[in-house]
N, C-alpha and C. Protein backbone atom coordinates (compact mmCIF):
# COMPACT_ATOMS: atom_id res chain seq x y z
N MET A 1 10.29 -19.75 -1.51
CA MET A 1 10.10 -18.78 -0.91
C MET A 1 9.48 -19.15 0.49
N HIS A 2 9.77 -19.34 1.33
CA HIS A 2 9.40 -20.39 2.85
C HIS A 2 8.62 -19.97 3.48
N HIS A 3 9.01 -18.13 3.72
CA HIS A 3 8.06 -17.22 5.18
C HIS A 3 6.49 -17.81 5.11
N GLN A 4 6.62 -17.86 6.44
CA GLN A 4 5.32 -18.59 6.87
C GLN A 4 4.21 -17.25 7.26
N THR A 5 4.69 -15.98 7.03
CA THR A 5 4.11 -14.78 7.61
C THR A 5 4.50 -13.93 6.35
N LEU A 6 3.14 -13.37 5.96
CA LEU A 6 3.51 -12.37 4.95
C LEU A 6 3.04 -10.93 5.07
N LEU A 7 3.15 -9.93 4.87
CA LEU A 7 2.85 -8.44 4.75
C LEU A 7 2.48 -8.32 3.52
N PHE A 8 1.48 -7.74 3.48
CA PHE A 8 0.80 -7.19 1.42
C PHE A 8 0.81 -6.11 2.20
N ASP A 9 1.25 -4.52 0.70
CA ASP A 9 1.15 -3.38 1.04
C ASP A 9 -0.39 -3.67 0.62
N LEU A 10 -1.10 -2.32 0.32
CA LEU A 10 -2.56 -2.18 0.00
C LEU A 10 -2.74 -1.82 -1.71
N ASP A 11 -2.47 -0.61 -1.43
CA ASP A 11 -2.27 0.41 -3.01
C ASP A 11 -0.74 -0.27 -4.07
N GLY A 12 -1.89 -0.25 -5.20
CA GLY A 12 -0.86 -0.69 -6.05
C GLY A 12 -0.01 -2.36 -5.95
N THR A 13 -0.43 -3.53 -4.92
CA THR A 13 -0.09 -4.61 -4.55
C THR A 13 -1.20 -5.37 -4.76
N LEU A 14 -2.21 -5.11 -3.85
CA LEU A 14 -3.39 -6.11 -3.30
C LEU A 14 -4.39 -5.37 -4.83
N THR A 15 -4.64 -4.00 -4.70
CA THR A 15 -5.84 -3.23 -5.74
C THR A 15 -5.14 -2.24 -6.63
N ASP A 16 -5.80 -2.03 -7.53
CA ASP A 16 -5.50 -0.51 -8.55
C ASP A 16 -6.23 0.30 -8.10
N PRO A 17 -6.01 1.36 -7.27
CA PRO A 17 -6.70 2.52 -6.23
C PRO A 17 -6.42 4.02 -7.33
N ARG A 18 -6.35 3.67 -8.61
CA ARG A 18 -5.61 4.73 -9.83
C ARG A 18 -6.96 5.73 -9.58
N GLU A 19 -8.35 5.58 -9.99
CA GLU A 19 -9.27 6.52 -10.12
C GLU A 19 -9.66 7.10 -8.91
N GLY A 20 -9.90 6.31 -7.67
CA GLY A 20 -10.49 6.88 -6.69
C GLY A 20 -9.55 8.20 -6.11
N ILE A 21 -8.01 7.38 -5.93
CA ILE A 21 -7.01 8.55 -5.38
C ILE A 21 -6.75 9.84 -6.32
N THR A 22 -6.50 9.66 -7.16
CA THR A 22 -6.36 10.75 -8.20
C THR A 22 -7.44 11.87 -8.15
N ARG A 23 -8.96 11.00 -8.09
CA ARG A 23 -9.67 12.17 -8.37
C ARG A 23 -10.05 13.02 -7.21
N SER A 24 -9.78 11.89 -6.34
CA SER A 24 -9.92 13.05 -4.61
C SER A 24 -8.85 13.66 -4.48
N ILE A 25 -7.33 13.42 -4.93
CA ILE A 25 -6.24 14.42 -5.17
C ILE A 25 -6.92 16.04 -5.96
N GLN A 26 -7.74 15.60 -7.15
CA GLN A 26 -7.60 16.66 -8.08
C GLN A 26 -9.20 17.39 -7.34
N PHE A 27 -9.52 16.73 -6.20
CA PHE A 27 -10.68 17.74 -5.62
C PHE A 27 -9.99 18.55 -4.77
N ALA A 28 -8.94 17.97 -3.52
CA ALA A 28 -8.33 18.39 -2.79
C ALA A 28 -7.46 19.33 -3.37
N LEU A 29 -6.92 19.47 -5.05
CA LEU A 29 -6.18 20.91 -5.40
C LEU A 29 -7.11 21.67 -5.94
N GLY A 30 -8.20 21.54 -6.17
CA GLY A 30 -9.45 22.32 -6.96
C GLY A 30 -10.00 23.08 -5.35
N LYS A 31 -10.52 22.52 -4.38
CA LYS A 31 -10.70 23.11 -3.20
C LYS A 31 -9.50 24.45 -2.49
N LEU A 32 -7.99 24.00 -2.59
CA LEU A 32 -7.08 25.26 -2.73
C LEU A 32 -6.54 25.99 -3.69
N GLY A 33 -7.76 25.72 -5.07
CA GLY A 33 -7.40 27.09 -6.09
C GLY A 33 -6.45 26.15 -7.00
N ILE A 34 -6.15 25.27 -6.92
CA ILE A 34 -5.15 24.68 -8.04
C ILE A 34 -6.18 23.48 -8.94
N ASP A 35 -6.06 24.20 -10.19
CA ASP A 35 -6.40 23.29 -11.20
C ASP A 35 -5.59 21.93 -12.00
N GLU A 36 -6.13 20.91 -12.01
CA GLU A 36 -5.61 20.11 -12.27
C GLU A 36 -6.41 18.93 -13.03
N PRO A 37 -6.54 19.39 -14.36
CA PRO A 37 -7.25 18.21 -15.10
C PRO A 37 -6.71 17.41 -15.43
N ASP A 38 -5.64 16.82 -15.58
CA ASP A 38 -4.88 15.37 -16.06
C ASP A 38 -4.39 14.62 -14.61
N LEU A 39 -5.39 13.59 -14.82
CA LEU A 39 -5.21 12.62 -13.54
C LEU A 39 -3.95 11.97 -13.64
N THR A 40 -3.34 11.79 -14.93
CA THR A 40 -2.02 10.68 -14.66
C THR A 40 -1.15 11.60 -14.23
N ARG A 41 -1.27 12.92 -14.41
CA ARG A 41 -0.26 13.81 -13.40
C ARG A 41 -0.40 13.07 -12.15
N LEU A 42 -1.34 13.07 -11.05
CA LEU A 42 -1.16 13.53 -9.85
C LEU A 42 -1.42 10.87 -9.55
N GLU A 43 -0.85 10.55 -10.26
CA GLU A 43 -0.36 9.17 -10.29
C GLU A 43 0.76 9.00 -9.14
N HIS A 44 1.38 10.24 -9.01
CA HIS A 44 2.92 9.64 -8.04
C HIS A 44 2.39 9.66 -6.88
N PHE A 45 0.85 10.31 -6.36
CA PHE A 45 0.46 10.47 -5.02
C PHE A 45 0.57 9.08 -4.59
N ILE A 46 0.06 8.03 -5.17
CA ILE A 46 -0.35 6.70 -5.20
C ILE A 46 0.97 6.09 -4.36
N GLY A 47 0.88 5.38 -3.14
CA GLY A 47 2.09 4.83 -2.42
C GLY A 47 2.66 5.87 -1.64
N PRO A 48 3.17 6.76 -1.47
CA PRO A 48 3.96 7.64 -0.57
C PRO A 48 2.86 8.23 0.93
N PRO A 49 3.06 8.36 1.97
CA PRO A 49 1.94 8.67 2.76
C PRO A 49 1.77 10.51 2.39
N LEU A 50 0.49 10.69 2.00
CA LEU A 50 -0.08 11.61 1.47
C LEU A 50 0.33 13.51 1.70
N LEU A 51 0.47 13.44 3.19
CA LEU A 51 0.69 14.57 4.08
C LEU A 51 2.34 14.90 3.29
N GLN A 52 2.99 14.06 3.31
CA GLN A 52 4.37 14.35 2.82
C GLN A 52 4.19 14.87 1.29
N ALA A 53 3.37 13.68 0.34
CA ALA A 53 3.45 14.17 -1.33
C ALA A 53 2.84 15.54 -1.05
N PHE A 54 1.92 15.92 -0.31
CA PHE A 54 1.42 17.25 -0.89
C PHE A 54 2.85 18.52 -0.59
N MET A 55 3.64 18.12 0.56
CA MET A 55 4.88 18.90 0.64
C MET A 55 5.90 18.98 -0.36
N GLN A 56 5.99 17.51 -0.68
CA GLN A 56 7.05 17.43 -1.94
C GLN A 56 6.24 17.63 -3.00
N PHE A 57 5.25 17.58 -3.51
CA PHE A 57 4.60 17.56 -4.83
C PHE A 57 4.49 19.22 -5.06
N TYR A 58 4.04 19.64 -4.23
CA TYR A 58 3.51 21.28 -4.21
C TYR A 58 3.83 22.63 -3.39
N ASP A 59 5.18 21.31 -2.70
CA ASP A 59 5.67 22.81 -1.82
C ASP A 59 4.67 23.35 -0.90
N PHE A 60 3.59 22.27 -0.26
CA PHE A 60 2.95 22.94 0.80
C PHE A 60 3.68 23.30 2.12
N ASP A 61 3.32 23.96 2.89
CA ASP A 61 3.75 23.69 4.26
C ASP A 61 3.20 22.91 5.13
N GLU A 62 3.57 22.31 6.67
CA GLU A 62 2.47 21.19 6.69
C GLU A 62 1.53 21.58 7.32
N ALA A 63 0.99 23.12 7.62
CA ALA A 63 -0.68 23.05 7.77
C ALA A 63 -1.24 23.46 6.55
N LYS A 64 -1.17 23.80 5.29
CA LYS A 64 -1.52 23.72 4.18
C LYS A 64 -1.60 22.30 3.67
N ALA A 65 -0.40 21.39 4.08
CA ALA A 65 -0.73 19.93 3.59
C ALA A 65 -1.86 19.26 4.01
N TRP A 66 -2.03 19.67 5.29
CA TRP A 66 -3.19 18.81 6.78
C TRP A 66 -4.78 19.30 6.09
N GLU A 67 -4.42 20.24 5.49
CA GLU A 67 -5.87 21.20 4.67
C GLU A 67 -6.23 20.02 3.28
N ALA A 68 -5.26 20.04 3.01
CA ALA A 68 -5.55 19.32 1.24
C ALA A 68 -5.90 17.20 1.68
N VAL A 69 -5.14 17.34 2.80
CA VAL A 69 -5.48 15.81 3.35
C VAL A 69 -6.62 15.86 3.61
N ASN A 70 -7.38 16.82 4.14
CA ASN A 70 -8.86 16.49 4.87
C ASN A 70 -9.50 16.83 3.54
N PHE A 71 -9.15 17.66 2.51
CA PHE A 71 -10.46 17.55 1.42
C PHE A 71 -10.44 16.80 1.01
N TYR A 72 -9.07 16.25 0.71
CA TYR A 72 -8.90 14.72 -0.30
C TYR A 72 -9.44 13.75 1.16
N ARG A 73 -9.62 13.48 2.08
CA ARG A 73 -10.46 12.48 2.89
C ARG A 73 -12.28 12.96 2.98
N GLU A 74 -12.54 13.90 2.36
CA GLU A 74 -13.80 14.54 2.31
C GLU A 74 -15.07 13.50 0.82
N ARG A 75 -13.77 13.36 0.16
CA ARG A 75 -14.36 12.96 -1.33
C ARG A 75 -13.78 11.43 -0.93
N PHE A 76 -12.63 11.29 -0.62
CA PHE A 76 -12.13 9.85 -0.44
C PHE A 76 -13.02 9.00 0.44
N LYS A 77 -13.50 9.25 1.56
CA LYS A 77 -14.32 8.19 2.33
C LYS A 77 -15.60 7.75 1.86
N VAL A 78 -16.08 8.72 0.94
CA VAL A 78 -17.73 8.83 0.57
C VAL A 78 -17.53 8.12 -0.83
N THR A 79 -16.41 8.44 -1.53
CA THR A 79 -16.59 7.86 -3.16
C THR A 79 -15.59 7.30 -3.49
N GLY A 80 -14.26 7.65 -3.15
CA GLY A 80 -12.88 7.10 -3.91
C GLY A 80 -12.39 6.27 -3.04
N LEU A 81 -13.27 5.60 -1.95
CA LEU A 81 -12.78 4.36 -1.49
C LEU A 81 -13.41 3.15 -2.40
N TYR A 82 -14.33 3.72 -3.37
CA TYR A 82 -14.85 2.87 -4.13
C TYR A 82 -14.68 2.89 -5.70
N GLU A 83 -13.81 3.69 -6.06
CA GLU A 83 -13.53 4.00 -7.12
C GLU A 83 -11.58 3.00 -7.06
N ASN A 84 -12.15 1.55 -7.35
CA ASN A 84 -11.29 0.99 -6.81
C ASN A 84 -11.18 -0.42 -7.67
N ARG A 85 -10.34 -1.51 -8.35
CA ARG A 85 -10.68 -2.54 -8.35
C ARG A 85 -9.42 -3.44 -7.86
N VAL A 86 -9.66 -4.84 -7.63
CA VAL A 86 -8.65 -5.88 -6.87
C VAL A 86 -7.93 -6.15 -8.44
N PHE A 87 -6.48 -6.33 -8.31
CA PHE A 87 -5.95 -6.46 -9.69
C PHE A 87 -6.10 -8.28 -10.02
N ASP A 88 -6.50 -8.52 -11.07
CA ASP A 88 -6.73 -9.81 -11.78
C ASP A 88 -5.62 -10.49 -11.41
N GLY A 89 -6.26 -11.89 -10.47
CA GLY A 89 -4.99 -13.23 -10.17
C GLY A 89 -4.85 -13.00 -8.64
N VAL A 90 -4.96 -11.77 -8.03
CA VAL A 90 -4.70 -11.36 -6.65
C VAL A 90 -5.75 -12.10 -5.66
N LEU A 91 -7.25 -12.80 -5.84
CA LEU A 91 -8.27 -13.50 -5.06
C LEU A 91 -7.37 -14.73 -5.07
N PRO A 92 -7.23 -15.16 -6.28
CA PRO A 92 -6.83 -16.75 -6.19
C PRO A 92 -5.25 -17.10 -5.69
N LEU A 93 -4.58 -15.57 -5.76
CA LEU A 93 -3.18 -16.05 -4.86
C LEU A 93 -3.59 -16.24 -3.66
N LEU A 94 -4.15 -15.32 -2.78
CA LEU A 94 -4.59 -15.21 -1.87
C LEU A 94 -5.04 -16.38 -0.96
N GLU A 95 -6.20 -17.49 -1.65
CA GLU A 95 -6.81 -18.43 -1.79
C GLU A 95 -5.69 -19.44 -1.42
N THR A 96 -4.38 -19.45 -2.42
CA THR A 96 -3.65 -20.75 -2.61
C THR A 96 -2.50 -20.48 -0.92
N LEU A 97 -2.23 -19.10 -0.79
CA LEU A 97 -1.32 -18.71 0.28
C LEU A 97 -2.59 -19.16 1.77
N GLY A 98 -3.59 -19.19 1.51
CA GLY A 98 -4.39 -19.75 2.89
C GLY A 98 -4.15 -20.97 3.06
N SER A 99 -4.27 -21.65 1.77
CA SER A 99 -4.44 -23.39 1.39
C SER A 99 -3.05 -23.53 2.20
N GLN A 100 -2.10 -22.99 1.98
CA GLN A 100 -0.95 -23.47 2.50
C GLN A 100 -0.40 -23.17 3.50
N GLY A 101 -1.21 -22.64 4.31
CA GLY A 101 -1.28 -22.13 6.30
C GLY A 101 -0.53 -21.12 6.04
N ARG A 102 -0.48 -19.81 5.25
CA ARG A 102 0.52 -18.83 5.51
C ARG A 102 -0.07 -18.00 6.42
N GLN A 103 0.28 -17.18 7.27
CA GLN A 103 -0.75 -16.47 7.71
C GLN A 103 -0.20 -14.90 7.19
N LEU A 104 -1.47 -14.06 6.68
CA LEU A 104 -1.61 -12.73 6.10
C LEU A 104 -1.71 -11.76 6.56
N TYR A 105 -0.88 -10.73 6.48
CA TYR A 105 -1.13 -9.40 7.19
C TYR A 105 -1.52 -8.29 6.01
N ILE A 106 -1.82 -7.43 6.26
CA ILE A 106 -1.77 -5.88 5.28
C ILE A 106 -1.22 -5.21 6.28
N ALA A 107 -0.41 -4.44 5.35
CA ALA A 107 0.85 -3.14 6.16
C ALA A 107 0.53 -2.12 5.17
N THR A 108 -0.31 -0.81 5.26
CA THR A 108 -0.55 -0.07 4.32
C THR A 108 -0.48 1.33 5.13
N SER A 109 0.15 2.38 4.30
CA SER A 109 0.27 3.42 4.91
C SER A 109 -1.09 4.37 5.19
N LYS A 110 -2.13 3.79 4.38
CA LYS A 110 -3.14 4.32 4.57
C LYS A 110 -3.92 4.09 5.78
N PRO A 111 -4.82 5.14 6.34
CA PRO A 111 -5.55 4.97 7.62
C PRO A 111 -6.33 3.46 7.41
N TRP A 112 -5.98 2.88 8.59
CA TRP A 112 -6.78 1.58 8.54
C TRP A 112 -8.17 1.57 8.28
N VAL A 113 -8.70 2.68 8.71
CA VAL A 113 -10.27 2.87 9.14
C VAL A 113 -10.70 2.60 7.10
N PHE A 114 -10.21 3.16 6.90
CA PHE A 114 -10.13 3.30 4.94
C PHE A 114 -10.01 1.89 4.25
N ALA A 115 -8.90 1.13 4.81
CA ALA A 115 -8.02 -0.19 4.03
C ALA A 115 -9.49 -1.16 4.52
N ARG A 116 -9.66 -0.81 6.03
CA ARG A 116 -10.67 -2.20 6.16
C ARG A 116 -11.74 -2.37 5.90
N GLU A 117 -12.24 -1.02 5.34
CA GLU A 117 -13.49 -0.97 4.53
C GLU A 117 -13.48 -1.05 3.12
N ILE A 118 -12.23 -0.92 2.47
CA ILE A 118 -11.90 -1.21 1.26
C ILE A 118 -11.74 -3.24 1.10
N ALA A 119 -10.82 -3.12 2.13
CA ALA A 119 -11.06 -5.05 2.23
C ALA A 119 -12.31 -6.02 2.11
N ARG A 120 -13.03 -5.30 3.09
CA ARG A 120 -14.73 -5.55 3.64
C ARG A 120 -15.38 -5.23 1.87
N HIS A 121 -15.15 -4.23 1.68
CA HIS A 121 -16.14 -4.04 0.45
C HIS A 121 -15.66 -4.97 -0.78
N PHE A 122 -14.45 -5.10 -0.93
CA PHE A 122 -14.33 -5.31 -2.36
C PHE A 122 -14.25 -7.54 -1.80
N ASP A 123 -14.17 -7.80 -0.65
CA ASP A 123 -14.03 -9.14 -0.08
C ASP A 123 -13.11 -10.14 -0.15
N PHE A 124 -12.04 -8.96 0.28
CA PHE A 124 -10.79 -10.10 0.53
C PHE A 124 -10.21 -10.20 2.12
N ALA A 125 -10.82 -9.41 2.48
CA ALA A 125 -11.02 -9.21 4.45
C ALA A 125 -10.73 -10.28 5.02
N ARG A 126 -11.43 -11.30 4.61
CA ARG A 126 -11.39 -12.70 5.25
C ARG A 126 -9.55 -13.45 5.24
N HIS A 127 -9.18 -12.77 3.70
CA HIS A 127 -7.85 -13.71 3.94
C HIS A 127 -6.91 -13.17 4.24
N PHE A 128 -6.99 -12.14 5.44
CA PHE A 128 -5.77 -11.41 6.31
C PHE A 128 -6.25 -11.85 8.41
N LYS A 129 -5.29 -11.67 8.54
CA LYS A 129 -5.83 -12.08 9.92
C LYS A 129 -6.16 -10.96 10.36
N VAL A 130 -5.13 -9.87 10.71
CA VAL A 130 -5.67 -7.90 10.47
C VAL A 130 -4.76 -7.52 9.41
N ILE A 131 -5.47 -6.24 9.35
CA ILE A 131 -5.16 -5.23 8.61
C ILE A 131 -4.67 -4.00 9.20
N TYR A 132 -3.60 -3.69 9.14
CA TYR A 132 -2.68 -2.60 9.98
C TYR A 132 -2.51 -1.72 8.78
N GLY A 133 -2.74 -0.17 9.36
CA GLY A 133 -2.77 0.77 8.53
C GLY A 133 -2.25 1.98 9.59
N SER A 134 -2.32 3.24 9.15
CA SER A 134 -1.96 4.30 9.81
C SER A 134 -3.26 5.11 10.85
N GLU A 135 -2.45 6.14 11.36
CA GLU A 135 -4.16 6.76 11.89
C GLU A 135 -4.41 8.03 11.28
N LEU A 136 -5.56 8.40 11.91
CA LEU A 136 -5.74 9.84 10.54
C LEU A 136 -4.84 10.64 11.36
N ASP A 137 -4.48 10.98 12.37
CA ASP A 137 -3.51 11.93 12.77
C ASP A 137 -2.38 12.10 11.73
N GLY A 138 -1.98 11.02 11.24
CA GLY A 138 -0.72 11.16 10.79
C GLY A 138 0.45 9.29 11.43
N THR A 139 0.28 9.30 12.61
CA THR A 139 0.58 8.23 13.20
C THR A 139 1.03 7.20 12.20
N ARG A 140 2.23 6.23 12.16
CA ARG A 140 2.56 5.57 11.47
C ARG A 140 1.91 5.34 10.27
N THR A 141 1.98 6.81 9.34
CA THR A 141 2.34 6.70 7.75
C THR A 141 3.85 6.14 7.77
N ASN A 142 4.46 6.19 7.80
CA ASN A 142 5.77 5.81 7.50
C ASN A 142 5.95 4.34 7.66
N LYS A 143 6.42 3.36 6.48
CA LYS A 143 6.41 2.49 6.53
C LYS A 143 7.51 1.45 7.82
N VAL A 144 8.40 2.18 7.66
CA VAL A 144 9.20 1.53 8.72
C VAL A 144 8.89 1.83 9.98
N GLU A 145 8.36 2.64 10.92
CA GLU A 145 7.57 2.74 11.69
C GLU A 145 6.14 1.38 11.74
N LEU A 146 5.44 1.52 10.53
CA LEU A 146 4.00 0.74 10.86
C LEU A 146 4.67 -1.02 10.93
N ILE A 147 5.78 -1.17 10.12
CA ILE A 147 6.10 -2.37 9.97
C ILE A 147 6.49 -2.60 11.75
N ALA A 148 7.22 -1.98 12.46
CA ALA A 148 7.47 -2.04 13.46
C ALA A 148 6.59 -2.84 14.61
N HIS A 149 5.46 -2.00 14.11
CA HIS A 149 4.40 -1.93 14.99
C HIS A 149 3.79 -3.10 14.96
N LEU A 150 3.82 -3.46 13.89
CA LEU A 150 3.26 -4.66 12.84
C LEU A 150 3.97 -5.95 14.02
N LEU A 151 5.55 -5.89 13.58
CA LEU A 151 6.02 -6.88 14.67
C LEU A 151 5.89 -7.12 15.76
N ALA A 152 5.89 -5.80 16.74
CA ALA A 152 6.05 -6.09 17.94
C ALA A 152 4.41 -6.56 18.34
N GLU A 153 3.08 -5.82 17.99
CA GLU A 153 2.06 -5.97 18.28
C GLU A 153 1.58 -7.68 17.73
N GLU A 154 2.21 -8.37 16.72
CA GLU A 154 1.65 -9.65 16.71
C GLU A 154 2.78 -11.00 17.24
N GLY A 155 4.10 -10.16 17.71
CA GLY A 155 5.20 -11.09 18.14
C GLY A 155 5.29 -11.93 16.89
N LEU A 156 5.81 -11.36 15.77
CA LEU A 156 6.43 -12.13 14.47
C LEU A 156 7.91 -12.16 14.68
N ASP A 157 8.53 -13.14 14.01
CA ASP A 157 9.74 -13.01 14.01
C ASP A 157 9.82 -12.48 12.48
N PRO A 158 11.13 -11.35 12.53
CA PRO A 158 11.63 -11.20 11.08
C PRO A 158 11.97 -12.34 10.20
N ASN A 159 12.85 -13.18 10.49
CA ASN A 159 13.30 -14.05 9.77
C ASN A 159 12.46 -14.78 9.08
N ASP A 160 11.02 -14.71 9.49
CA ASP A 160 10.41 -15.86 8.82
C ASP A 160 8.88 -14.67 7.98
N THR A 161 9.28 -13.50 8.26
CA THR A 161 8.43 -12.66 7.69
C THR A 161 8.92 -11.85 6.41
N LEU A 162 7.86 -11.86 5.56
CA LEU A 162 8.01 -11.35 4.24
C LEU A 162 7.32 -10.34 3.31
N MET A 163 7.34 -9.19 3.15
CA MET A 163 6.83 -8.05 3.04
C MET A 163 6.76 -7.86 1.53
N ILE A 164 5.76 -7.65 1.05
CA ILE A 164 5.34 -7.37 -0.52
C ILE A 164 4.91 -6.11 -0.99
N GLY A 165 5.54 -5.43 -1.97
CA GLY A 165 4.97 -3.94 -2.33
C GLY A 165 4.97 -3.55 -3.68
N ASP A 166 4.89 -2.57 -3.74
CA ASP A 166 5.24 -2.04 -5.24
C ASP A 166 6.04 -0.58 -5.18
N ARG A 167 6.20 0.03 -4.23
CA ARG A 167 7.23 0.95 -4.23
C ARG A 167 8.12 0.90 -3.09
N LYS A 168 9.04 1.97 -3.40
CA LYS A 168 10.26 1.59 -2.49
C LYS A 168 10.12 2.18 -1.22
N HIS A 169 9.19 3.00 -0.11
CA HIS A 169 8.48 2.37 1.01
C HIS A 169 8.63 1.18 1.52
N ASP A 170 7.59 0.55 0.78
CA ASP A 170 7.82 -0.83 1.08
C ASP A 170 9.05 -1.79 1.70
N LEU A 171 9.73 -1.21 0.76
CA LEU A 171 11.17 -2.09 0.38
C LEU A 171 12.29 -1.69 1.75
N ILE A 172 12.09 -0.29 1.73
CA ILE A 172 12.90 0.37 3.24
C ILE A 172 12.54 -0.34 4.20
N GLY A 173 11.18 -0.28 4.22
CA GLY A 173 10.59 -0.63 5.42
C GLY A 173 10.42 -1.97 5.98
N ALA A 174 11.04 -2.90 5.25
CA ALA A 174 11.47 -4.15 5.15
C ALA A 174 12.62 -4.27 5.85
N ARG A 175 13.33 -3.53 4.95
CA ARG A 175 14.78 -3.71 5.09
C ARG A 175 15.51 -3.16 7.13
N SER A 176 14.67 -1.93 7.10
CA SER A 176 14.89 -1.51 8.12
C SER A 176 14.59 -2.39 9.43
N ASN A 177 13.30 -3.46 9.36
CA ASN A 177 13.25 -4.15 10.33
C ASN A 177 13.40 -5.35 10.26
N GLY A 178 14.60 -5.76 9.12
CA GLY A 178 14.98 -7.35 8.99
C GLY A 178 14.40 -8.01 8.35
N LEU A 179 13.47 -7.63 7.51
CA LEU A 179 12.87 -8.47 6.70
C LEU A 179 13.00 -8.42 5.25
N SER A 180 13.01 -10.23 4.78
CA SER A 180 13.08 -9.73 3.02
C SER A 180 12.00 -8.71 2.53
N ALA A 181 12.25 -8.91 1.33
CA ALA A 181 11.10 -7.93 0.74
C ALA A 181 10.89 -8.65 -1.08
N VAL A 182 9.76 -8.50 -1.26
CA VAL A 182 9.54 -8.87 -2.25
C VAL A 182 8.64 -7.39 -3.36
N ALA A 183 9.51 -6.85 -4.55
CA ALA A 183 9.15 -5.90 -5.20
C ALA A 183 8.18 -6.55 -6.43
N VAL A 184 7.01 -5.68 -6.65
CA VAL A 184 6.15 -6.36 -7.69
C VAL A 184 6.22 -5.03 -8.51
N GLY A 185 6.38 -5.48 -9.55
CA GLY A 185 6.46 -4.60 -11.15
C GLY A 185 4.95 -4.21 -11.62
N TYR A 186 3.90 -4.48 -11.02
CA TYR A 186 2.54 -4.27 -11.81
C TYR A 186 1.97 -3.31 -11.36
N GLY A 187 2.34 -2.07 -9.85
CA GLY A 187 1.93 -1.34 -9.44
C GLY A 187 2.11 -0.09 -9.87
N PHE A 188 2.90 0.80 -8.98
CA PHE A 188 3.03 2.09 -9.45
C PHE A 188 4.67 2.37 -9.06
N GLY A 189 5.36 1.55 -8.64
CA GLY A 189 7.17 1.93 -8.45
C GLY A 189 7.32 1.40 -10.14
N SER A 190 8.60 2.15 -10.46
CA SER A 190 9.26 2.06 -11.74
C SER A 190 10.14 0.67 -11.28
N HIS A 191 10.91 0.29 -12.47
CA HIS A 191 11.69 -0.66 -12.42
C HIS A 191 13.09 0.14 -11.54
N GLU A 192 13.12 1.32 -11.67
CA GLU A 192 14.30 1.89 -11.34
C GLU A 192 14.28 2.14 -9.71
N GLU A 193 13.05 2.73 -9.45
CA GLU A 193 12.68 2.44 -7.96
C GLU A 193 12.95 1.29 -7.46
N LEU A 194 12.76 0.15 -7.79
CA LEU A 194 12.55 -0.86 -6.93
C LEU A 194 13.72 -1.16 -7.18
N SER A 195 14.43 -1.49 -7.93
CA SER A 195 15.58 -2.10 -7.85
C SER A 195 16.73 -1.44 -7.18
N ALA A 196 16.95 -0.28 -7.25
CA ALA A 196 17.73 0.78 -6.41
C ALA A 196 17.57 -0.12 -4.89
N GLU A 197 16.55 -0.48 -4.38
CA GLU A 197 16.70 -1.27 -3.10
C GLU A 197 16.64 -2.64 -3.33
N SER A 198 17.47 -3.11 -3.70
CA SER A 198 17.69 -4.08 -3.90
C SER A 198 17.24 -5.33 -3.23
N PRO A 199 15.47 -5.50 -3.53
CA PRO A 199 14.97 -6.74 -2.92
C PRO A 199 15.32 -7.87 -3.45
N ALA A 200 14.95 -8.77 -2.06
CA ALA A 200 15.06 -10.67 -2.50
C ALA A 200 14.74 -11.08 -3.78
N TYR A 201 13.31 -10.39 -4.13
CA TYR A 201 12.50 -11.24 -5.17
C TYR A 201 11.85 -9.47 -6.02
N HIS A 202 11.69 -10.33 -6.71
CA HIS A 202 11.41 -9.21 -7.81
C HIS A 202 10.19 -9.62 -9.07
N PHE A 203 9.05 -9.06 -9.17
CA PHE A 203 8.32 -10.09 -9.68
C PHE A 203 7.34 -9.36 -10.80
N GLN A 204 7.20 -9.54 -12.14
CA GLN A 204 6.83 -8.47 -12.83
C GLN A 204 5.20 -8.37 -12.86
N THR A 205 4.69 -9.97 -12.57
CA THR A 205 2.98 -10.01 -12.59
C THR A 205 2.85 -10.31 -11.21
N VAL A 206 0.75 -10.77 -11.40
CA VAL A 206 0.90 -11.38 -10.09
C VAL A 206 0.71 -12.86 -10.23
N ASP A 207 0.65 -13.40 -11.77
CA ASP A 207 0.94 -15.08 -11.87
C ASP A 207 2.33 -15.36 -11.51
N GLU A 208 3.39 -13.99 -11.81
CA GLU A 208 5.22 -14.73 -11.66
C GLU A 208 4.96 -14.95 -10.13
N LEU A 209 4.39 -14.15 -9.36
CA LEU A 209 4.51 -13.86 -7.88
C LEU A 209 3.57 -15.12 -7.24
N HIS A 210 2.43 -15.39 -8.09
CA HIS A 210 1.73 -17.07 -7.61
C HIS A 210 2.39 -18.22 -7.87
N ARG A 211 3.31 -18.05 -8.97
CA ARG A 211 4.02 -19.21 -9.01
C ARG A 211 5.13 -19.78 -8.42
N ALA A 212 5.97 -18.13 -8.02
CA ALA A 212 7.22 -18.42 -7.22
C ALA A 212 6.34 -19.24 -5.52
N PHE A 213 5.21 -18.95 -4.90
CA PHE A 213 4.43 -19.28 -3.69
C PHE A 213 4.61 -20.70 -3.86
N LEU A 214 3.47 -21.27 -5.32
CA LEU A 214 3.52 -22.71 -5.36
C LEU A 214 4.91 -23.61 -5.21
N ARG A 215 6.05 -22.82 -5.72
CA ARG A 215 7.23 -23.50 -5.58
C ARG A 215 7.59 -23.43 -4.60
N GLY A 216 7.17 -22.68 -3.56
CA GLY A 216 7.45 -22.89 -2.11
C GLY A 216 8.21 -21.69 -1.52
């Protein structure tokens, strides 16, 4: 993998945000009178844009979905942000990529204000040139639009840029913008979901991903 510029998804690729996201979804649903005691039933919220996820999974109209997003953020920005952990092996991977002179960015559908605080708190912000995310009003939650914006802002060559992520949204966003993509199997996308998008590379573990970059 010769690419000199790498775009990383955040949730499910760099960190495991399972606890913070599912507990904040549970909180939002509770505020709307919906009791969901089983957090594992809320893991499908990890990855896709939240507004669309509330509309899809609970059949909310847009106004109610925004209400749910705002309740979610009420808890997430105070507590849920920090109920998170960096996947084992990610920090050594980022050190290697930096030592190889590659240029790293984060491209997440999570609002950039939250993504930058997570990267700061868990001490990996220094590895990235810029952390790109959506706006709080929902602008650029779509990965196709987000990656297009990042490429334009940074003046990047799609042929030399690689997207790395754990959900189909990452792979679709890459392909729509002319980028090759790496699917990682340790996050929240199933093997079937990722394989259906025909990524250029598919690695099951952080260690496999790291070894591939060491090979070039």
